[in-house]
N, C-alpha and C. Protein backbone atom coordinates (compact mmCIF):
# COMPACT_ATOMS: atom_id res chain seq x y z
N MET A 1 -90.93 6.10 45.70
CA MET A 1 -91.06 4.70 45.34
C MET A 1 -89.69 4.06 45.10
N PHE A 2 -88.87 4.71 44.25
CA PHE A 2 -87.53 4.19 43.96
C PHE A 2 -86.63 4.23 45.20
N ASP A 3 -86.84 5.25 46.07
CA ASP A 3 -86.06 5.34 47.30
C ASP A 3 -86.37 4.16 48.22
N LYS A 4 -87.65 3.76 48.27
CA LYS A 4 -88.04 2.63 49.11
C LYS A 4 -87.38 1.34 48.62
N ILE A 5 -87.39 1.17 47.30
CA ILE A 5 -86.77 -0.02 46.72
C ILE A 5 -85.27 -0.02 47.00
N LYS A 6 -84.66 1.16 46.83
CA LYS A 6 -83.21 1.29 47.07
C LYS A 6 -82.88 0.97 48.52
N ASN A 7 -83.68 1.50 49.46
CA ASN A 7 -83.45 1.24 50.88
C ASN A 7 -83.66 -0.23 51.23
N TYR A 8 -84.66 -0.83 50.57
CA TYR A 8 -84.95 -2.25 50.80
C TYR A 8 -83.74 -3.11 50.45
N TYR A 9 -83.17 -2.88 49.28
CA TYR A 9 -82.02 -3.68 48.85
C TYR A 9 -80.73 -3.29 49.57
N ALA A 10 -80.66 -2.07 50.07
CA ALA A 10 -79.48 -1.65 50.83
C ALA A 10 -79.38 -2.41 52.14
N LYS A 11 -80.53 -2.76 52.73
CA LYS A 11 -80.55 -3.47 54.00
C LYS A 11 -80.34 -4.97 53.85
N LYS A 12 -80.42 -5.47 52.63
CA LYS A 12 -80.30 -6.91 52.41
C LYS A 12 -78.85 -7.34 52.34
N SER A 13 -78.59 -8.54 52.83
CA SER A 13 -77.24 -9.09 52.73
C SER A 13 -77.00 -9.57 51.30
N LYS A 14 -75.74 -9.81 50.98
CA LYS A 14 -75.41 -10.31 49.63
C LYS A 14 -76.09 -11.65 49.37
N TRP A 15 -76.13 -12.48 50.42
CA TRP A 15 -76.77 -13.80 50.25
C TRP A 15 -78.25 -13.65 49.92
N ASN A 16 -78.92 -12.73 50.60
CA ASN A 16 -80.34 -12.50 50.33
C ASN A 16 -80.57 -11.95 48.93
N LEU A 17 -79.66 -11.09 48.49
CA LEU A 17 -79.77 -10.56 47.13
C LEU A 17 -79.61 -11.67 46.10
N VAL A 18 -78.63 -12.55 46.34
CA VAL A 18 -78.42 -13.67 45.42
C VAL A 18 -79.64 -14.58 45.40
N SER A 19 -80.21 -14.86 46.58
CA SER A 19 -81.39 -15.73 46.64
C SER A 19 -82.58 -15.08 45.92
N ASP A 20 -82.71 -13.76 46.03
CA ASP A 20 -83.77 -13.05 45.31
C ASP A 20 -83.61 -13.19 43.80
N VAL A 21 -82.38 -13.07 43.34
CA VAL A 21 -82.10 -13.21 41.91
C VAL A 21 -82.47 -14.61 41.43
N PHE A 22 -82.06 -15.62 42.21
CA PHE A 22 -82.38 -17.00 41.84
C PHE A 22 -83.88 -17.24 41.85
N PHE A 23 -84.57 -16.64 42.81
CA PHE A 23 -86.01 -16.81 42.88
C PHE A 23 -86.70 -16.21 41.65
N VAL A 24 -86.25 -15.02 41.25
CA VAL A 24 -86.83 -14.36 40.06
C VAL A 24 -86.56 -15.22 38.82
N ILE A 25 -85.34 -15.75 38.71
CA ILE A 25 -85.00 -16.60 37.57
C ILE A 25 -85.87 -17.85 37.57
N PHE A 26 -86.04 -18.46 38.77
CA PHE A 26 -86.86 -19.67 38.89
C PHE A 26 -88.29 -19.41 38.46
N VAL A 27 -88.87 -18.30 38.93
CA VAL A 27 -90.24 -17.95 38.56
C VAL A 27 -90.35 -17.74 37.05
N ALA A 28 -89.36 -17.06 36.48
CA ALA A 28 -89.37 -16.82 35.03
C ALA A 28 -89.30 -18.13 34.27
N LEU A 29 -88.45 -19.04 34.74
CA LEU A 29 -88.32 -20.34 34.06
C LEU A 29 -89.61 -21.14 34.15
N MET A 30 -90.33 -21.01 35.26
CA MET A 30 -91.56 -21.76 35.45
C MET A 30 -92.67 -21.31 34.50
N LEU A 31 -92.47 -20.13 33.89
CA LEU A 31 -93.46 -19.65 32.93
C LEU A 31 -93.30 -20.35 31.57
N VAL A 32 -92.18 -21.03 31.39
CA VAL A 32 -91.93 -21.75 30.13
C VAL A 32 -92.34 -23.21 30.34
N PRO A 33 -93.34 -23.71 29.58
CA PRO A 33 -93.84 -25.08 29.79
C PRO A 33 -92.76 -26.16 29.77
N GLN A 34 -91.82 -26.08 28.82
CA GLN A 34 -90.78 -27.10 28.72
C GLN A 34 -89.92 -27.13 29.98
N THR A 35 -89.64 -25.97 30.53
CA THR A 35 -88.82 -25.89 31.74
C THR A 35 -89.57 -26.47 32.93
N ARG A 36 -90.87 -26.21 33.01
CA ARG A 36 -91.68 -26.78 34.09
C ARG A 36 -91.57 -28.29 34.09
N GLN A 37 -91.63 -28.88 32.90
CA GLN A 37 -91.55 -30.34 32.79
C GLN A 37 -90.20 -30.87 33.25
N MET A 38 -89.13 -30.09 33.07
CA MET A 38 -87.80 -30.55 33.45
C MET A 38 -87.50 -30.29 34.93
N VAL A 39 -87.94 -29.16 35.45
CA VAL A 39 -87.53 -28.74 36.79
C VAL A 39 -88.48 -29.22 37.89
N LEU A 40 -89.80 -29.13 37.66
CA LEU A 40 -90.74 -29.43 38.72
C LEU A 40 -90.74 -30.88 39.18
N PRO A 41 -90.77 -31.88 38.29
CA PRO A 41 -90.82 -33.27 38.77
C PRO A 41 -89.69 -33.65 39.72
N PRO A 42 -88.41 -33.32 39.41
CA PRO A 42 -87.36 -33.66 40.38
C PRO A 42 -87.56 -32.99 41.74
N LEU A 43 -88.04 -31.74 41.73
CA LEU A 43 -88.30 -31.05 43.00
C LEU A 43 -89.44 -31.70 43.75
N GLN A 44 -90.48 -32.07 43.02
CA GLN A 44 -91.64 -32.68 43.67
C GLN A 44 -91.31 -34.05 44.24
N ARG A 45 -90.39 -34.77 43.60
CA ARG A 45 -90.01 -36.10 44.10
C ARG A 45 -89.45 -36.02 45.52
N LEU A 46 -88.86 -34.88 45.87
CA LEU A 46 -88.31 -34.71 47.21
C LEU A 46 -89.39 -34.71 48.28
N PHE A 47 -90.63 -34.42 47.88
CA PHE A 47 -91.71 -34.29 48.85
C PHE A 47 -92.80 -35.35 48.69
N LEU A 48 -92.46 -36.47 48.05
CA LEU A 48 -93.43 -37.55 47.88
C LEU A 48 -93.44 -38.43 49.13
N PHE A 49 -94.63 -38.76 49.58
CA PHE A 49 -94.79 -39.60 50.76
C PHE A 49 -95.50 -40.89 50.39
N SER A 50 -95.27 -41.89 51.20
CA SER A 50 -95.86 -43.19 50.94
C SER A 50 -97.35 -43.19 51.31
N PRO A 51 -98.20 -43.66 50.40
CA PRO A 51 -99.63 -43.76 50.73
C PRO A 51 -99.87 -44.98 51.63
N LYS A 52 -100.90 -44.91 52.42
CA LYS A 52 -101.22 -46.02 53.32
C LYS A 52 -102.54 -46.66 52.93
N ALA A 53 -102.64 -47.93 53.25
CA ALA A 53 -103.88 -48.66 52.97
C ALA A 53 -104.98 -48.18 53.90
N ALA A 54 -106.20 -48.17 53.39
CA ALA A 54 -107.34 -47.82 54.22
C ALA A 54 -107.61 -48.97 55.18
N ALA A 55 -108.21 -48.66 56.31
CA ALA A 55 -108.60 -49.71 57.25
C ALA A 55 -109.57 -50.66 56.55
N SER A 56 -109.50 -51.92 56.88
CA SER A 56 -110.30 -52.93 56.16
C SER A 56 -111.80 -52.62 56.18
N ASP A 57 -112.28 -52.04 57.27
CA ASP A 57 -113.71 -51.73 57.34
C ASP A 57 -114.07 -50.46 56.57
N GLU A 58 -113.07 -49.76 56.05
CA GLU A 58 -113.32 -48.55 55.27
C GLU A 58 -113.10 -48.77 53.77
N GLN A 59 -112.66 -49.96 53.40
CA GLN A 59 -112.38 -50.23 51.99
C GLN A 59 -113.67 -50.49 51.22
N GLU A 60 -113.86 -49.71 50.15
CA GLU A 60 -115.05 -49.88 49.33
C GLU A 60 -114.78 -50.90 48.23
N SER A 61 -115.84 -51.54 47.77
CA SER A 61 -115.70 -52.60 46.76
C SER A 61 -116.29 -52.16 45.43
N LEU A 62 -115.66 -52.62 44.35
CA LEU A 62 -116.22 -52.40 43.02
C LEU A 62 -117.52 -53.17 42.90
N SER A 63 -118.49 -52.59 42.21
CA SER A 63 -119.76 -53.27 41.99
C SER A 63 -119.60 -54.25 40.82
N PRO A 64 -120.51 -55.20 40.65
CA PRO A 64 -120.42 -56.13 39.52
C PRO A 64 -120.33 -55.40 38.17
N ASN A 65 -121.05 -54.29 38.02
CA ASN A 65 -121.00 -53.54 36.76
C ASN A 65 -119.66 -52.84 36.54
N ASP A 66 -119.00 -52.47 37.63
CA ASP A 66 -117.72 -51.78 37.52
C ASP A 66 -116.67 -52.62 36.81
N TRP A 67 -116.78 -53.92 36.90
CA TRP A 67 -115.79 -54.81 36.29
C TRP A 67 -115.84 -54.77 34.77
N PHE A 68 -116.89 -54.16 34.22
CA PHE A 68 -117.00 -54.07 32.76
C PHE A 68 -116.41 -52.78 32.20
N TRP A 69 -115.80 -51.97 33.07
CA TRP A 69 -115.13 -50.75 32.60
C TRP A 69 -114.03 -51.13 31.62
N GLN A 70 -114.01 -50.44 30.48
CA GLN A 70 -113.13 -50.82 29.37
C GLN A 70 -112.15 -49.71 29.02
N VAL A 71 -110.93 -50.12 28.69
CA VAL A 71 -109.90 -49.18 28.23
C VAL A 71 -109.26 -49.76 26.97
N GLU A 72 -108.60 -48.89 26.23
CA GLU A 72 -107.93 -49.30 24.99
C GLU A 72 -106.43 -49.45 25.26
N ASN A 73 -105.84 -50.52 24.71
CA ASN A 73 -104.40 -50.68 24.88
C ASN A 73 -103.65 -50.08 23.70
N ALA A 74 -102.34 -50.06 23.77
CA ALA A 74 -101.52 -49.36 22.78
C ALA A 74 -101.56 -50.01 21.40
N THR A 75 -102.03 -51.25 21.31
CA THR A 75 -102.10 -51.93 20.01
C THR A 75 -103.49 -51.84 19.39
N GLY A 76 -104.37 -51.08 20.01
CA GLY A 76 -105.71 -50.89 19.47
C GLY A 76 -106.73 -51.89 19.98
N GLY A 77 -106.32 -52.76 20.88
CA GLY A 77 -107.24 -53.72 21.46
C GLY A 77 -107.95 -53.12 22.67
N PHE A 78 -108.94 -53.83 23.15
CA PHE A 78 -109.71 -53.34 24.29
C PHE A 78 -109.68 -54.37 25.42
N VAL A 79 -109.54 -53.88 26.61
CA VAL A 79 -109.57 -54.75 27.78
C VAL A 79 -110.50 -54.12 28.81
N ASP A 80 -111.08 -54.96 29.66
CA ASP A 80 -111.87 -54.42 30.76
C ASP A 80 -111.39 -55.03 32.06
N LEU A 81 -111.86 -54.49 33.16
CA LEU A 81 -111.38 -54.94 34.46
C LEU A 81 -111.64 -56.42 34.68
N ASN A 82 -112.66 -56.96 34.03
CA ASN A 82 -112.94 -58.39 34.15
C ASN A 82 -111.73 -59.24 33.78
N ASP A 83 -110.90 -58.74 32.87
CA ASP A 83 -109.70 -59.47 32.44
C ASP A 83 -108.71 -59.64 33.59
N TYR A 84 -108.84 -58.81 34.62
CA TYR A 84 -107.89 -58.84 35.74
C TYR A 84 -108.54 -59.29 37.04
N LYS A 85 -109.76 -59.77 36.95
CA LYS A 85 -110.48 -60.19 38.15
C LYS A 85 -109.73 -61.32 38.85
N GLY A 86 -109.65 -61.25 40.14
CA GLY A 86 -108.93 -62.27 40.90
C GLY A 86 -107.45 -61.96 41.06
N LYS A 87 -107.03 -60.80 40.52
CA LYS A 87 -105.63 -60.38 40.64
C LYS A 87 -105.55 -59.05 41.40
N VAL A 88 -104.37 -58.75 41.90
CA VAL A 88 -104.13 -57.43 42.49
C VAL A 88 -103.93 -56.46 41.33
N ILE A 89 -104.62 -55.33 41.37
CA ILE A 89 -104.61 -54.37 40.25
C ILE A 89 -104.11 -53.01 40.74
N PHE A 90 -103.21 -52.43 39.96
CA PHE A 90 -102.67 -51.09 40.24
C PHE A 90 -103.07 -50.21 39.06
N ILE A 91 -103.94 -49.23 39.31
CA ILE A 91 -104.42 -48.33 38.25
C ILE A 91 -103.97 -46.91 38.57
N ASN A 92 -103.33 -46.28 37.58
CA ASN A 92 -102.85 -44.91 37.75
C ASN A 92 -103.37 -44.05 36.60
N PHE A 93 -104.08 -42.97 36.93
CA PHE A 93 -104.55 -42.00 35.94
C PHE A 93 -103.54 -40.86 35.90
N TRP A 94 -103.06 -40.52 34.71
CA TRP A 94 -101.97 -39.56 34.61
C TRP A 94 -102.02 -38.84 33.26
N ALA A 95 -101.11 -37.89 33.07
CA ALA A 95 -100.95 -37.18 31.79
C ALA A 95 -99.52 -36.67 31.69
N THR A 96 -99.03 -36.52 30.48
CA THR A 96 -97.65 -36.07 30.28
C THR A 96 -97.47 -34.61 30.68
N TRP A 97 -98.54 -33.81 30.63
CA TRP A 97 -98.45 -32.39 30.94
C TRP A 97 -98.58 -32.10 32.43
N CYS A 98 -98.73 -33.15 33.23
CA CYS A 98 -98.97 -33.02 34.67
C CYS A 98 -97.68 -33.28 35.45
N PRO A 99 -96.99 -32.23 35.95
CA PRO A 99 -95.73 -32.43 36.68
C PRO A 99 -95.80 -33.41 37.84
N PRO A 100 -96.86 -33.38 38.69
CA PRO A 100 -96.92 -34.38 39.77
C PRO A 100 -97.01 -35.81 39.23
N CYS A 101 -97.71 -35.98 38.10
CA CYS A 101 -97.80 -37.31 37.49
C CYS A 101 -96.41 -37.79 37.07
N VAL A 102 -95.68 -36.91 36.43
CA VAL A 102 -94.34 -37.24 35.95
C VAL A 102 -93.41 -37.51 37.12
N ALA A 103 -93.60 -36.76 38.22
CA ALA A 103 -92.73 -36.90 39.39
C ALA A 103 -92.82 -38.29 40.01
N GLU A 104 -94.01 -38.91 39.97
CA GLU A 104 -94.15 -40.21 40.63
C GLU A 104 -93.87 -41.40 39.70
N LEU A 105 -93.68 -41.15 38.41
CA LEU A 105 -93.46 -42.25 37.46
C LEU A 105 -92.23 -43.11 37.77
N PRO A 106 -91.08 -42.53 38.18
CA PRO A 106 -89.94 -43.39 38.48
C PRO A 106 -90.25 -44.42 39.57
N GLY A 107 -91.00 -44.01 40.57
CA GLY A 107 -91.39 -44.93 41.64
C GLY A 107 -92.32 -46.02 41.13
N ILE A 108 -93.26 -45.64 40.27
CA ILE A 108 -94.17 -46.63 39.70
C ILE A 108 -93.41 -47.61 38.81
N GLN A 109 -92.45 -47.09 38.04
CA GLN A 109 -91.64 -47.96 37.19
C GLN A 109 -90.85 -48.96 38.03
N ALA A 110 -90.26 -48.50 39.13
CA ALA A 110 -89.49 -49.39 40.01
C ALA A 110 -90.39 -50.47 40.61
N LEU A 111 -91.61 -50.08 40.97
CA LEU A 111 -92.57 -51.04 41.50
C LEU A 111 -92.97 -52.05 40.43
N TYR A 112 -93.19 -51.55 39.23
CA TYR A 112 -93.55 -52.42 38.10
C TYR A 112 -92.44 -53.41 37.78
N ASP A 113 -91.21 -52.95 37.83
CA ASP A 113 -90.08 -53.83 37.53
C ASP A 113 -90.07 -55.06 38.43
N ASP A 114 -90.47 -54.88 39.68
CA ASP A 114 -90.43 -55.99 40.65
C ASP A 114 -91.72 -56.79 40.74
N TYR A 115 -92.85 -56.19 40.33
CA TYR A 115 -94.14 -56.86 40.52
C TYR A 115 -94.91 -57.12 39.23
N LYS A 116 -94.31 -56.87 38.09
CA LYS A 116 -95.07 -56.96 36.84
C LYS A 116 -95.61 -58.35 36.56
N ASP A 117 -95.00 -59.39 37.12
CA ASP A 117 -95.49 -60.75 36.91
C ASP A 117 -96.54 -61.16 37.93
N LYS A 118 -96.76 -60.32 38.93
CA LYS A 118 -97.70 -60.67 40.00
C LYS A 118 -98.89 -59.72 40.09
N VAL A 119 -98.68 -58.47 39.69
CA VAL A 119 -99.70 -57.43 39.80
C VAL A 119 -100.04 -56.91 38.41
N SER A 120 -101.31 -56.63 38.17
CA SER A 120 -101.73 -56.05 36.88
C SER A 120 -101.65 -54.54 36.97
N PHE A 121 -100.78 -53.95 36.17
CA PHE A 121 -100.58 -52.50 36.15
C PHE A 121 -101.32 -51.89 34.96
N LEU A 122 -102.06 -50.81 35.20
CA LEU A 122 -102.72 -50.07 34.13
C LEU A 122 -102.43 -48.59 34.32
N LEU A 123 -101.64 -48.01 33.41
CA LEU A 123 -101.43 -46.58 33.39
C LEU A 123 -102.40 -45.99 32.37
N VAL A 124 -103.34 -45.21 32.84
CA VAL A 124 -104.44 -44.75 32.00
C VAL A 124 -104.34 -43.25 31.77
N SER A 125 -104.38 -42.85 30.49
CA SER A 125 -104.32 -41.44 30.12
C SER A 125 -105.42 -41.13 29.12
N ASN A 126 -105.80 -39.87 29.03
CA ASN A 126 -106.75 -39.44 28.00
C ASN A 126 -106.04 -38.99 26.73
N GLU A 127 -104.71 -38.95 26.78
CA GLU A 127 -103.94 -38.46 25.64
C GLU A 127 -103.81 -39.54 24.55
N GLU A 128 -103.48 -39.08 23.36
CA GLU A 128 -103.24 -40.02 22.27
C GLU A 128 -101.99 -40.84 22.58
N PHE A 129 -101.96 -42.07 22.10
CA PHE A 129 -100.82 -42.95 22.38
C PHE A 129 -99.51 -42.38 21.84
N ALA A 130 -99.58 -41.64 20.76
CA ALA A 130 -98.36 -41.04 20.21
C ALA A 130 -97.73 -40.09 21.22
N VAL A 131 -98.57 -39.43 22.01
CA VAL A 131 -98.08 -38.48 23.01
C VAL A 131 -97.63 -39.23 24.26
N SER A 132 -98.54 -39.98 24.87
CA SER A 132 -98.22 -40.67 26.13
C SER A 132 -97.17 -41.75 25.93
N GLY A 133 -97.32 -42.53 24.85
CA GLY A 133 -96.34 -43.59 24.58
C GLY A 133 -94.98 -43.03 24.21
N GLY A 134 -94.98 -41.95 23.46
CA GLY A 134 -93.72 -41.31 23.10
C GLY A 134 -92.99 -40.78 24.32
N PHE A 135 -93.76 -40.24 25.25
CA PHE A 135 -93.17 -39.72 26.49
C PHE A 135 -92.53 -40.85 27.30
N LEU A 136 -93.27 -41.96 27.47
CA LEU A 136 -92.74 -43.08 28.24
C LEU A 136 -91.49 -43.66 27.57
N ALA A 137 -91.52 -43.76 26.24
CA ALA A 137 -90.37 -44.31 25.51
C ALA A 137 -89.15 -43.41 25.68
N GLN A 138 -89.37 -42.11 25.65
CA GLN A 138 -88.28 -41.14 25.81
C GLN A 138 -87.60 -41.29 27.17
N LYS A 139 -88.40 -41.65 28.18
CA LYS A 139 -87.87 -41.83 29.53
C LYS A 139 -87.43 -43.26 29.80
N SER A 140 -87.55 -44.12 28.79
CA SER A 140 -87.20 -45.55 28.92
C SER A 140 -88.07 -46.27 29.94
N TYR A 141 -89.32 -45.84 30.08
CA TYR A 141 -90.27 -46.52 30.95
C TYR A 141 -90.97 -47.61 30.15
N THR A 142 -91.27 -48.71 30.81
CA THR A 142 -91.89 -49.85 30.13
C THR A 142 -93.27 -50.15 30.71
N LEU A 143 -93.89 -49.17 31.29
CA LEU A 143 -95.18 -49.35 31.95
C LEU A 143 -96.30 -49.63 30.94
N PRO A 144 -97.24 -50.51 31.29
CA PRO A 144 -98.36 -50.83 30.39
C PRO A 144 -99.29 -49.62 30.25
N LEU A 145 -99.43 -49.15 29.04
CA LEU A 145 -100.16 -47.91 28.78
C LEU A 145 -101.54 -48.19 28.21
N PHE A 146 -102.52 -47.44 28.70
CA PHE A 146 -103.90 -47.58 28.23
C PHE A 146 -104.51 -46.19 28.04
N LYS A 147 -105.55 -46.17 27.23
CA LYS A 147 -106.27 -44.91 26.98
C LYS A 147 -107.70 -45.05 27.47
N ALA A 148 -108.16 -44.06 28.20
CA ALA A 148 -109.53 -44.09 28.70
C ALA A 148 -110.50 -43.82 27.55
N ILE A 149 -111.48 -44.67 27.41
CA ILE A 149 -112.51 -44.43 26.38
C ILE A 149 -113.89 -44.29 27.00
N TYR A 150 -114.02 -44.70 28.25
CA TYR A 150 -115.27 -44.55 28.99
C TYR A 150 -114.97 -43.95 30.36
N THR A 151 -115.98 -43.38 30.96
CA THR A 151 -115.83 -42.85 32.31
C THR A 151 -115.53 -43.99 33.28
N PRO A 152 -114.55 -43.81 34.14
CA PRO A 152 -114.22 -44.88 35.10
C PRO A 152 -115.38 -45.14 36.06
N PRO A 153 -115.36 -46.28 36.72
CA PRO A 153 -116.37 -46.55 37.75
C PRO A 153 -116.42 -45.43 38.77
N ALA A 154 -117.57 -45.26 39.40
CA ALA A 154 -117.77 -44.14 40.33
C ALA A 154 -116.70 -44.09 41.42
N LEU A 155 -116.27 -45.25 41.91
CA LEU A 155 -115.27 -45.27 42.98
C LEU A 155 -113.91 -44.75 42.53
N MET A 156 -113.68 -44.74 41.21
CA MET A 156 -112.40 -44.26 40.68
C MET A 156 -112.54 -43.02 39.82
N ASN A 157 -113.73 -42.45 39.83
CA ASN A 157 -113.98 -41.28 38.98
C ASN A 157 -113.57 -40.02 39.74
N THR A 158 -112.51 -39.39 39.28
CA THR A 158 -112.00 -38.19 39.95
C THR A 158 -111.60 -37.16 38.91
N SER A 159 -111.68 -35.91 39.28
CA SER A 159 -111.32 -34.84 38.34
C SER A 159 -109.85 -34.45 38.48
N SER A 160 -109.16 -35.01 39.46
CA SER A 160 -107.76 -34.63 39.66
C SER A 160 -106.83 -35.77 39.28
N ILE A 161 -105.65 -35.40 38.78
CA ILE A 161 -104.61 -36.37 38.49
C ILE A 161 -103.30 -35.86 39.08
N PRO A 162 -102.38 -36.77 39.43
CA PRO A 162 -102.54 -38.22 39.32
C PRO A 162 -103.53 -38.75 40.35
N ALA A 163 -104.15 -39.85 40.00
CA ALA A 163 -105.02 -40.57 40.93
C ALA A 163 -104.68 -42.05 40.76
N THR A 164 -104.47 -42.71 41.88
CA THR A 164 -104.00 -44.09 41.84
C THR A 164 -104.85 -44.96 42.76
N PHE A 165 -105.10 -46.19 42.29
CA PHE A 165 -105.95 -47.12 43.04
C PHE A 165 -105.29 -48.48 43.08
N LEU A 166 -105.17 -49.02 44.28
CA LEU A 166 -104.67 -50.37 44.45
C LEU A 166 -105.85 -51.24 44.87
N ILE A 167 -106.15 -52.22 44.05
CA ILE A 167 -107.36 -53.04 44.23
C ILE A 167 -106.94 -54.47 44.55
N ASP A 168 -107.57 -55.05 45.56
CA ASP A 168 -107.21 -56.42 45.92
C ASP A 168 -107.90 -57.43 45.00
N LYS A 169 -107.65 -58.71 45.24
CA LYS A 169 -108.16 -59.77 44.37
C LYS A 169 -109.69 -59.86 44.36
N ASN A 170 -110.30 -59.29 45.40
CA ASN A 170 -111.76 -59.35 45.51
C ASN A 170 -112.45 -58.04 45.14
N GLY A 171 -111.68 -57.11 44.56
CA GLY A 171 -112.28 -55.88 44.09
C GLY A 171 -112.41 -54.78 45.12
N LYS A 172 -111.70 -54.90 46.25
CA LYS A 172 -111.73 -53.84 47.25
C LYS A 172 -110.64 -52.82 46.99
N LEU A 173 -110.99 -51.53 47.13
CA LEU A 173 -110.01 -50.45 46.97
C LEU A 173 -109.22 -50.33 48.26
N VAL A 174 -108.03 -50.89 48.25
CA VAL A 174 -107.19 -50.91 49.44
C VAL A 174 -106.50 -49.55 49.62
N ILE A 175 -106.02 -49.00 48.50
CA ILE A 175 -105.43 -47.66 48.52
C ILE A 175 -106.11 -46.81 47.46
N ARG A 176 -106.55 -45.65 47.85
CA ARG A 176 -107.08 -44.65 46.92
C ARG A 176 -106.30 -43.37 47.19
N LYS A 177 -105.52 -42.94 46.21
CA LYS A 177 -104.65 -41.79 46.42
C LYS A 177 -104.80 -40.79 45.28
N GLU A 178 -105.21 -39.57 45.61
CA GLU A 178 -105.26 -38.48 44.65
C GLU A 178 -104.07 -37.57 44.93
N GLY A 179 -103.26 -37.33 43.93
CA GLY A 179 -102.03 -36.58 44.12
C GLY A 179 -100.84 -37.53 44.04
N ALA A 180 -99.67 -36.96 43.87
CA ALA A 180 -98.45 -37.76 43.71
C ALA A 180 -98.07 -38.44 45.01
N ALA A 181 -97.43 -39.61 44.88
CA ALA A 181 -97.00 -40.36 46.06
C ALA A 181 -95.74 -41.15 45.74
N ASP A 182 -95.12 -41.65 46.79
CA ASP A 182 -93.96 -42.52 46.64
C ASP A 182 -94.45 -43.96 46.58
N TRP A 183 -94.60 -44.47 45.38
CA TRP A 183 -95.13 -45.82 45.20
C TRP A 183 -94.08 -46.91 45.36
N ASN A 184 -92.83 -46.52 45.41
CA ASN A 184 -91.76 -47.49 45.58
C ASN A 184 -91.29 -47.53 47.03
N SER A 185 -92.22 -47.42 47.95
CA SER A 185 -91.88 -47.39 49.37
C SER A 185 -92.05 -48.77 49.99
N ASN A 186 -91.42 -48.97 51.13
CA ASN A 186 -91.56 -50.23 51.86
C ASN A 186 -93.01 -50.46 52.27
N THR A 187 -93.71 -49.37 52.62
CA THR A 187 -95.11 -49.49 53.04
C THR A 187 -95.97 -50.05 51.92
N VAL A 188 -95.81 -49.51 50.71
CA VAL A 188 -96.59 -49.98 49.57
C VAL A 188 -96.22 -51.43 49.24
N ARG A 189 -94.94 -51.73 49.26
CA ARG A 189 -94.49 -53.08 48.94
C ARG A 189 -95.02 -54.10 49.95
N LYS A 190 -95.02 -53.76 51.22
CA LYS A 190 -95.56 -54.66 52.23
C LYS A 190 -97.06 -54.87 52.02
N THR A 191 -97.75 -53.79 51.65
CA THR A 191 -99.19 -53.89 51.39
C THR A 191 -99.44 -54.83 50.22
N ILE A 192 -98.69 -54.64 49.12
CA ILE A 192 -98.86 -55.50 47.95
C ILE A 192 -98.52 -56.94 48.29
N ASP A 193 -97.43 -57.17 49.02
CA ASP A 193 -97.04 -58.53 49.39
C ASP A 193 -98.15 -59.22 50.18
N ALA A 194 -98.78 -58.46 51.09
CA ALA A 194 -99.88 -59.03 51.88
C ALA A 194 -101.08 -59.35 51.00
N LEU A 195 -101.38 -58.47 50.04
CA LEU A 195 -102.51 -58.71 49.14
C LEU A 195 -102.27 -59.94 48.26
N LEU A 196 -101.04 -60.13 47.86
CA LEU A 196 -100.71 -61.28 47.00
C LEU A 196 -100.89 -62.60 47.75
N GLN A 197 -100.74 -62.56 49.07
CA GLN A 197 -100.90 -63.77 49.88
C GLN A 197 -102.37 -64.14 50.08
N GLU A 198 -103.25 -63.14 49.92
CA GLU A 198 -104.67 -63.40 50.13
C GLU A 198 -105.26 -64.21 48.99
N SER A 199 -106.29 -64.94 49.27
CA SER A 199 -106.96 -65.72 48.22
C SER A 199 -108.18 -64.94 47.74
N SER A 200 -108.54 -65.16 46.50
CA SER A 200 -109.73 -64.49 45.94
C SER A 200 -110.96 -65.34 46.25
N LYS A 201 -112.07 -64.66 46.47
CA LYS A 201 -113.32 -65.38 46.81
C LYS A 201 -114.18 -65.60 45.58
């Protein structure tokens, strides 16, 4: 057994040995939760792709009852989707312990910085505000934070996070994306610009 291991490493180049050492260190670091939070999001950002809008004939619409879905804001007040009816809405379900969620936050923040006066942003988490709000403050993010208190409408009810939904002024789900994405892309911005030009019915 030891002879096989010895022969294996004898055949390896110095570069391969160094890469093996780094790989072992990386795996060991990934076992520590704090390290995962620091290392994984930057790596994942390298592989984020821009989500695309669904074809118009494939876009599903929120039902009249769906507009009554309610969330709690950071000041203890309650809002429901009806408060944003007739506007373009960006809803993101996330958590601080979710590396893909954290990886896409810089892009969402950049999008929010440019569209916060035109688009209604809702970042929704199941965590306590002390946790989610503290995390955003630590990163200097200014995203509007909400807490889920009821099950989302069926069209947005998913067991995976991050999950993001871009809804037009008439309640159609233009983009439905489960998993991390590059939200600060030209594709997303062009989609939002087009939605802002549309009139609500």
